[in-house]
Amino acid sequence: MDRRIINLYDEYTHKPLTRQEFLHRLSLLTGSTAA
């Protein structure tokens, strides 16, 4: 798994990151709008 995705998930679980922002940034990392 890409380290950037792991870092993003860590930020989502430990910092005030909204689910919407998490999914948006995840879709940018994965290149998918289905995320």
N, C-alpha and C. Protein backbone atom coordinates (compact mmCIF):
# COMPACT_ATOMS: atom_id res chain seq x y z
N MET A 1 0.85 -1.18 0.00
CA MET A 1 0.00 0.00 0.00
C MET A 1 0.89 1.24 0.00
N ASP A 2 0.47 2.22 -0.74
CA ASP A 2 1.22 3.47 -0.85
C ASP A 2 1.30 4.17 0.51
N ARG A 3 2.47 4.62 0.85
CA ARG A 3 2.69 5.28 2.14
C ARG A 3 1.84 6.54 2.29
N ARG A 4 1.55 7.22 1.18
CA ARG A 4 0.72 8.44 1.24
C ARG A 4 -0.69 8.11 1.71
N ILE A 5 -1.20 6.95 1.31
CA ILE A 5 -2.54 6.53 1.75
C ILE A 5 -2.53 6.23 3.24
N ILE A 6 -1.50 5.56 3.69
CA ILE A 6 -1.37 5.26 5.12
C ILE A 6 -1.29 6.55 5.93
N ASN A 7 -0.50 7.49 5.46
CA ASN A 7 -0.38 8.78 6.16
C ASN A 7 -1.71 9.53 6.18
N LEU A 8 -2.44 9.48 5.08
CA LEU A 8 -3.74 10.13 5.03
C LEU A 8 -4.71 9.49 6.02
N TYR A 9 -4.72 8.16 6.10
CA TYR A 9 -5.59 7.47 7.05
C TYR A 9 -5.20 7.82 8.49
N ASP A 10 -3.91 7.88 8.76
CA ASP A 10 -3.46 8.28 10.10
C ASP A 10 -3.96 9.68 10.44
N GLU A 11 -3.88 10.58 9.48
CA GLU A 11 -4.37 11.94 9.70
C GLU A 11 -5.87 11.93 9.95
N TYR A 12 -6.61 11.12 9.22
CA TYR A 12 -8.06 11.02 9.38
C TYR A 12 -8.44 10.51 10.77
N THR A 13 -7.68 9.52 11.27
CA THR A 13 -8.05 8.92 12.56
C THR A 13 -7.53 9.70 13.76
N HIS A 14 -6.49 10.51 13.59
CA HIS A 14 -5.88 11.18 14.73
C HIS A 14 -6.01 12.70 14.73
N LYS A 15 -6.47 13.27 13.65
CA LYS A 15 -6.59 14.72 13.56
C LYS A 15 -8.01 15.08 13.11
N PRO A 16 -8.39 16.33 13.29
CA PRO A 16 -9.74 16.74 12.88
C PRO A 16 -9.87 16.87 11.36
N LEU A 17 -9.97 15.73 10.68
CA LEU A 17 -10.15 15.70 9.23
C LEU A 17 -11.53 15.10 8.97
N THR A 18 -12.38 15.83 8.26
CA THR A 18 -13.73 15.33 8.01
C THR A 18 -13.70 14.14 7.06
N ARG A 19 -14.74 13.33 7.14
CA ARG A 19 -14.84 12.17 6.25
C ARG A 19 -14.86 12.62 4.79
N GLN A 20 -15.57 13.69 4.52
CA GLN A 20 -15.66 14.22 3.16
C GLN A 20 -14.28 14.61 2.64
N GLU A 21 -13.51 15.31 3.45
CA GLU A 21 -12.16 15.72 3.05
C GLU A 21 -11.26 14.50 2.88
N PHE A 22 -11.40 13.53 3.79
CA PHE A 22 -10.61 12.30 3.68
C PHE A 22 -10.89 11.59 2.36
N LEU A 23 -12.16 11.42 2.02
CA LEU A 23 -12.51 10.74 0.78
C LEU A 23 -12.07 11.54 -0.45
N HIS A 24 -12.16 12.84 -0.37
CA HIS A 24 -11.71 13.69 -1.48
C HIS A 24 -10.21 13.51 -1.72
N ARG A 25 -9.44 13.61 -0.65
CA ARG A 25 -7.99 13.46 -0.78
C ARG A 25 -7.60 12.04 -1.17
N LEU A 26 -8.35 11.05 -0.69
CA LEU A 26 -8.10 9.66 -1.08
C LEU A 26 -8.34 9.48 -2.57
N SER A 27 -9.41 10.07 -3.08
CA SER A 27 -9.70 9.95 -4.51
C SER A 27 -8.63 10.62 -5.35
N LEU A 28 -8.05 11.71 -4.85
CA LEU A 28 -6.95 12.35 -5.57
C LEU A 28 -5.71 11.46 -5.60
N LEU A 29 -5.46 10.76 -4.49
CA LEU A 29 -4.30 9.87 -4.42
C LEU A 29 -4.47 8.64 -5.30
N THR A 30 -5.67 8.09 -5.31
CA THR A 30 -5.89 6.84 -6.04
C THR A 30 -6.29 7.08 -7.49
N GLY A 31 -6.68 8.32 -7.81
CA GLY A 31 -7.08 8.63 -9.18
C GLY A 31 -8.46 8.10 -9.51
N SER A 32 -9.28 7.89 -8.49
CA SER A 32 -10.61 7.33 -8.69
C SER A 32 -11.65 8.25 -8.07
N THR A 33 -12.77 8.44 -8.77
CA THR A 33 -13.86 9.22 -8.19
C THR A 33 -14.82 8.32 -7.43
N ALA A 34 -14.61 7.01 -7.47
CA ALA A 34 -15.48 6.07 -6.77
C ALA A 34 -15.16 5.99 -5.29
N ALA A 35 -14.01 6.49 -4.87
CA ALA A 35 -13.62 6.42 -3.46
C ALA A 35 -14.54 7.31 -2.67
